[in-house]
């Protein structure tokens, strides 16, 4: 409590504007998910809905794809894009 969050170190932003730092007065929701985790798909839908509902209220949702297997960047990106497309349905 009452301490600053550390900066995020992101390899590549998939969508939205890159977040360079956390801004005072905004609420940030960080969700860590994996494309091989079935429950994460439902959680991603919930995060997308939260962002849409509260985007004008100072809420920023940041989803981080974690625990991905080491693969070429293009493969990772394709896998994440396909997963996001399924999650947005």
N, C-alpha and C. Protein backbone atom coordinates (compact mmCIF):
# COMPACT_ATOMS: atom_id res chain seq x y z
N UNK A 1 0.84 -1.18 0.00
CA UNK A 1 0.00 0.00 0.00
C UNK A 1 0.88 1.24 0.00
N UNK A 2 0.39 2.25 -0.66
CA UNK A 2 1.05 3.55 -0.72
C UNK A 2 2.46 3.51 -1.28
N UNK A 3 2.75 2.54 -2.13
CA UNK A 3 4.05 2.53 -2.79
C UNK A 3 3.81 2.48 -4.29
N UNK A 4 4.74 3.00 -5.03
CA UNK A 4 4.60 3.05 -6.48
C UNK A 4 4.80 1.67 -7.09
N UNK A 5 4.02 1.38 -8.10
CA UNK A 5 4.18 0.11 -8.82
C UNK A 5 5.41 0.21 -9.71
N UNK A 6 6.12 -0.88 -9.85
CA UNK A 6 7.29 -0.86 -10.74
C UNK A 6 6.85 -0.74 -12.19
N UNK A 7 7.74 -0.25 -13.03
CA UNK A 7 7.43 -0.14 -14.46
C UNK A 7 7.27 -1.53 -15.06
N UNK A 8 6.41 -1.64 -16.06
CA UNK A 8 6.24 -2.91 -16.76
C UNK A 8 7.31 -3.02 -17.84
N UNK A 9 7.89 -4.19 -17.95
CA UNK A 9 8.85 -4.44 -19.02
C UNK A 9 8.15 -5.36 -20.01
N UNK A 10 7.70 -4.81 -21.12
CA UNK A 10 6.92 -5.54 -22.10
C UNK A 10 7.73 -5.73 -23.37
N UNK A 11 7.80 -6.97 -23.84
CA UNK A 11 8.55 -7.25 -25.06
C UNK A 11 7.88 -6.61 -26.27
N UNK A 12 6.57 -6.76 -26.35
CA UNK A 12 5.84 -6.20 -27.49
C UNK A 12 4.40 -5.95 -27.09
N UNK A 13 3.89 -4.76 -27.39
CA UNK A 13 2.50 -4.44 -27.15
C UNK A 13 1.70 -4.96 -28.33
N UNK A 14 0.67 -5.75 -28.07
CA UNK A 14 -0.11 -6.37 -29.14
C UNK A 14 -1.22 -5.44 -29.61
N UNK A 15 -1.88 -4.77 -28.70
CA UNK A 15 -2.92 -3.83 -29.09
C UNK A 15 -3.00 -2.71 -28.07
N UNK A 16 -3.63 -1.64 -28.47
CA UNK A 16 -3.74 -0.48 -27.58
C UNK A 16 -2.44 0.31 -27.56
N UNK A 17 -2.49 1.36 -26.79
CA UNK A 17 -1.32 2.23 -26.67
C UNK A 17 -0.35 1.67 -25.63
N UNK A 18 0.94 1.68 -25.93
CA UNK A 18 1.91 1.23 -24.93
C UNK A 18 1.81 2.06 -23.65
N UNK A 19 1.95 1.40 -22.54
CA UNK A 19 1.88 2.05 -21.24
C UNK A 19 3.31 2.29 -20.76
N UNK A 20 3.72 3.56 -20.75
CA UNK A 20 5.10 3.85 -20.37
C UNK A 20 5.26 3.97 -18.85
N UNK A 21 4.20 4.39 -18.17
CA UNK A 21 4.27 4.48 -16.71
C UNK A 21 2.84 4.52 -16.15
N UNK A 22 2.73 4.24 -14.88
CA UNK A 22 1.44 4.31 -14.21
C UNK A 22 1.20 5.76 -13.79
N UNK A 23 0.00 6.25 -14.07
CA UNK A 23 -0.34 7.63 -13.78
C UNK A 23 -1.14 7.74 -12.48
N UNK A 24 -0.81 8.72 -11.65
CA UNK A 24 -1.59 8.92 -10.42
C UNK A 24 -3.05 9.20 -10.76
N UNK A 25 -3.95 8.69 -9.94
CA UNK A 25 -5.37 8.94 -10.12
C UNK A 25 -6.07 7.96 -11.04
N UNK A 26 -5.32 7.08 -11.70
CA UNK A 26 -5.94 6.07 -12.55
C UNK A 26 -5.91 4.74 -11.83
N UNK A 27 -6.87 3.90 -12.17
CA UNK A 27 -6.91 2.55 -11.62
C UNK A 27 -6.45 1.60 -12.72
N UNK A 28 -5.45 0.80 -12.42
CA UNK A 28 -4.91 -0.16 -13.39
C UNK A 28 -5.26 -1.57 -12.93
N UNK A 29 -5.79 -2.34 -13.85
CA UNK A 29 -6.07 -3.75 -13.60
C UNK A 29 -5.14 -4.55 -14.48
N UNK A 30 -4.25 -5.31 -13.86
CA UNK A 30 -3.31 -6.14 -14.60
C UNK A 30 -3.80 -7.58 -14.56
N UNK A 31 -3.93 -8.17 -15.73
CA UNK A 31 -4.34 -9.56 -15.82
C UNK A 31 -3.24 -10.36 -16.50
N UNK A 32 -2.80 -11.41 -15.85
CA UNK A 32 -1.76 -12.27 -16.41
C UNK A 32 -2.43 -13.55 -16.89
N UNK A 33 -2.24 -13.86 -18.16
CA UNK A 33 -2.93 -15.01 -18.74
C UNK A 33 -2.00 -15.72 -19.72
N UNK A 34 -2.43 -16.88 -20.13
CA UNK A 34 -1.64 -17.66 -21.09
C UNK A 34 -2.55 -18.25 -22.15
N UNK A 35 -2.06 -18.31 -23.36
CA UNK A 35 -2.89 -18.81 -24.46
C UNK A 35 -3.17 -20.30 -24.33
N UNK A 36 -2.39 -21.01 -23.54
CA UNK A 36 -2.62 -22.45 -23.36
C UNK A 36 -3.48 -22.73 -22.13
N UNK A 37 -3.95 -21.69 -21.47
CA UNK A 37 -4.77 -21.82 -20.26
C UNK A 37 -6.23 -21.54 -20.63
N UNK A 38 -7.04 -22.58 -20.67
CA UNK A 38 -8.43 -22.43 -21.10
C UNK A 38 -9.21 -21.40 -20.27
N UNK A 39 -9.10 -21.39 -18.93
CA UNK A 39 -9.84 -20.39 -18.16
C UNK A 39 -9.41 -18.95 -18.47
N UNK A 40 -8.21 -18.77 -18.98
CA UNK A 40 -7.74 -17.42 -19.31
C UNK A 40 -8.57 -16.79 -20.41
N UNK A 41 -9.11 -17.60 -21.32
CA UNK A 41 -9.91 -17.06 -22.40
C UNK A 41 -11.16 -16.36 -21.85
N UNK A 42 -11.82 -16.99 -20.91
CA UNK A 42 -12.99 -16.38 -20.27
C UNK A 42 -12.59 -15.14 -19.48
N UNK A 43 -11.46 -15.22 -18.81
CA UNK A 43 -10.98 -14.06 -18.04
C UNK A 43 -10.67 -12.89 -18.98
N UNK A 44 -10.12 -13.20 -20.16
CA UNK A 44 -9.82 -12.16 -21.12
C UNK A 44 -11.10 -11.46 -21.57
N UNK A 45 -12.16 -12.24 -21.80
CA UNK A 45 -13.45 -11.63 -22.16
C UNK A 45 -13.91 -10.66 -21.07
N UNK A 46 -13.75 -11.07 -19.82
CA UNK A 46 -14.14 -10.21 -18.70
C UNK A 46 -13.30 -8.93 -18.66
N UNK A 47 -11.99 -9.06 -18.93
CA UNK A 47 -11.12 -7.89 -18.93
C UNK A 47 -11.48 -6.93 -20.06
N UNK A 48 -11.80 -7.47 -21.22
CA UNK A 48 -12.21 -6.64 -22.36
C UNK A 48 -13.49 -5.88 -22.01
N UNK A 49 -14.43 -6.58 -21.39
CA UNK A 49 -15.69 -5.94 -20.99
C UNK A 49 -15.45 -4.85 -19.94
N UNK A 50 -14.59 -5.12 -18.97
CA UNK A 50 -14.26 -4.10 -17.96
C UNK A 50 -13.67 -2.85 -18.60
N UNK A 51 -12.75 -3.05 -19.54
CA UNK A 51 -12.12 -1.91 -20.21
C UNK A 51 -13.17 -1.09 -20.96
N UNK A 52 -14.04 -1.76 -21.69
CA UNK A 52 -15.06 -1.05 -22.45
C UNK A 52 -16.03 -0.30 -21.53
N UNK A 53 -16.42 -0.92 -20.45
CA UNK A 53 -17.38 -0.32 -19.53
C UNK A 53 -16.80 0.89 -18.79
N UNK A 54 -15.55 0.80 -18.37
CA UNK A 54 -14.98 1.83 -17.49
C UNK A 54 -13.88 2.67 -18.12
N UNK A 55 -13.69 2.60 -19.43
CA UNK A 55 -12.57 3.32 -20.07
C UNK A 55 -12.66 4.83 -19.87
N UNK A 56 -13.85 5.37 -19.74
CA UNK A 56 -13.99 6.82 -19.55
C UNK A 56 -13.97 7.21 -18.08
N UNK A 57 -13.71 6.25 -17.19
CA UNK A 57 -13.69 6.51 -15.75
C UNK A 57 -12.29 6.43 -15.16
N UNK A 58 -11.27 6.43 -16.01
CA UNK A 58 -9.90 6.37 -15.50
C UNK A 58 -9.40 4.97 -15.21
N UNK A 59 -10.06 3.97 -15.80
CA UNK A 59 -9.63 2.59 -15.59
C UNK A 59 -8.87 2.12 -16.82
N UNK A 60 -7.72 1.51 -16.59
CA UNK A 60 -6.91 0.94 -17.66
C UNK A 60 -6.72 -0.54 -17.37
N UNK A 61 -7.07 -1.38 -18.32
CA UNK A 61 -6.88 -2.82 -18.19
C UNK A 61 -5.68 -3.20 -19.04
N UNK A 62 -4.74 -3.90 -18.43
CA UNK A 62 -3.55 -4.37 -19.13
C UNK A 62 -3.49 -5.88 -18.97
N UNK A 63 -3.58 -6.58 -20.08
CA UNK A 63 -3.48 -8.04 -20.06
C UNK A 63 -2.08 -8.42 -20.52
N UNK A 64 -1.44 -9.28 -19.76
CA UNK A 64 -0.08 -9.70 -20.06
C UNK A 64 -0.08 -11.19 -20.38
N UNK A 65 0.38 -11.53 -21.58
CA UNK A 65 0.50 -12.95 -21.96
C UNK A 65 1.75 -13.48 -21.28
N UNK A 66 1.54 -14.36 -20.34
CA UNK A 66 2.65 -14.90 -19.56
C UNK A 66 2.75 -16.40 -19.78
N UNK A 67 3.88 -16.95 -19.47
CA UNK A 67 4.12 -18.39 -19.55
C UNK A 67 4.01 -18.95 -20.96
N UNK A 68 4.31 -18.13 -21.95
CA UNK A 68 4.31 -18.62 -23.32
C UNK A 68 5.59 -19.40 -23.54
N UNK A 69 5.52 -20.44 -24.33
CA UNK A 69 6.71 -21.22 -24.64
C UNK A 69 7.64 -20.38 -25.51
N UNK A 70 8.92 -20.58 -25.33
CA UNK A 70 9.88 -19.85 -26.15
C UNK A 70 9.71 -20.28 -27.60
N UNK A 71 9.43 -19.33 -28.45
CA UNK A 71 9.24 -19.59 -29.87
C UNK A 71 9.65 -18.32 -30.61
N UNK A 72 9.82 -18.42 -31.92
CA UNK A 72 10.13 -17.20 -32.67
C UNK A 72 9.04 -16.15 -32.43
N UNK A 73 9.42 -14.89 -32.42
CA UNK A 73 8.48 -13.80 -32.13
C UNK A 73 7.26 -13.83 -33.04
N UNK A 74 7.44 -14.13 -34.33
CA UNK A 74 6.31 -14.17 -35.26
C UNK A 74 5.31 -15.24 -34.86
N UNK A 75 5.81 -16.40 -34.43
CA UNK A 75 4.94 -17.49 -33.99
C UNK A 75 4.15 -17.07 -32.76
N UNK A 76 4.84 -16.48 -31.79
CA UNK A 76 4.18 -16.01 -30.57
C UNK A 76 3.09 -15.01 -30.92
N UNK A 77 3.41 -14.06 -31.77
CA UNK A 77 2.46 -13.00 -32.13
C UNK A 77 1.23 -13.60 -32.82
N UNK A 78 1.42 -14.53 -33.74
CA UNK A 78 0.30 -15.17 -34.43
C UNK A 78 -0.59 -15.91 -33.44
N UNK A 79 0.04 -16.62 -32.52
CA UNK A 79 -0.70 -17.39 -31.51
C UNK A 79 -1.53 -16.46 -30.62
N UNK A 80 -0.93 -15.37 -30.20
CA UNK A 80 -1.62 -14.42 -29.32
C UNK A 80 -2.74 -13.71 -30.08
N UNK A 81 -2.50 -13.30 -31.33
CA UNK A 81 -3.54 -12.65 -32.14
C UNK A 81 -4.75 -13.57 -32.31
N UNK A 82 -4.52 -14.85 -32.62
CA UNK A 82 -5.62 -15.81 -32.80
C UNK A 82 -6.37 -16.00 -31.49
N UNK A 83 -5.64 -16.09 -30.40
CA UNK A 83 -6.25 -16.28 -29.08
C UNK A 83 -7.11 -15.08 -28.72
N UNK A 84 -6.61 -13.87 -28.98
CA UNK A 84 -7.38 -12.65 -28.70
C UNK A 84 -8.65 -12.60 -29.55
N UNK A 85 -8.55 -12.99 -30.81
CA UNK A 85 -9.73 -12.99 -31.68
C UNK A 85 -10.81 -13.92 -31.12
N UNK A 86 -10.41 -15.08 -30.63
CA UNK A 86 -11.39 -16.00 -30.02
C UNK A 86 -11.98 -15.40 -28.75
N UNK A 87 -11.16 -14.72 -27.97
CA UNK A 87 -11.60 -14.15 -26.69
C UNK A 87 -12.58 -13.00 -26.88
N UNK A 88 -12.48 -12.31 -28.00
CA UNK A 88 -13.33 -11.14 -28.24
C UNK A 88 -14.71 -11.52 -28.77
N UNK A 89 -14.95 -12.78 -29.03
CA UNK A 89 -16.26 -13.19 -29.57
C UNK A 89 -17.33 -13.08 -28.53
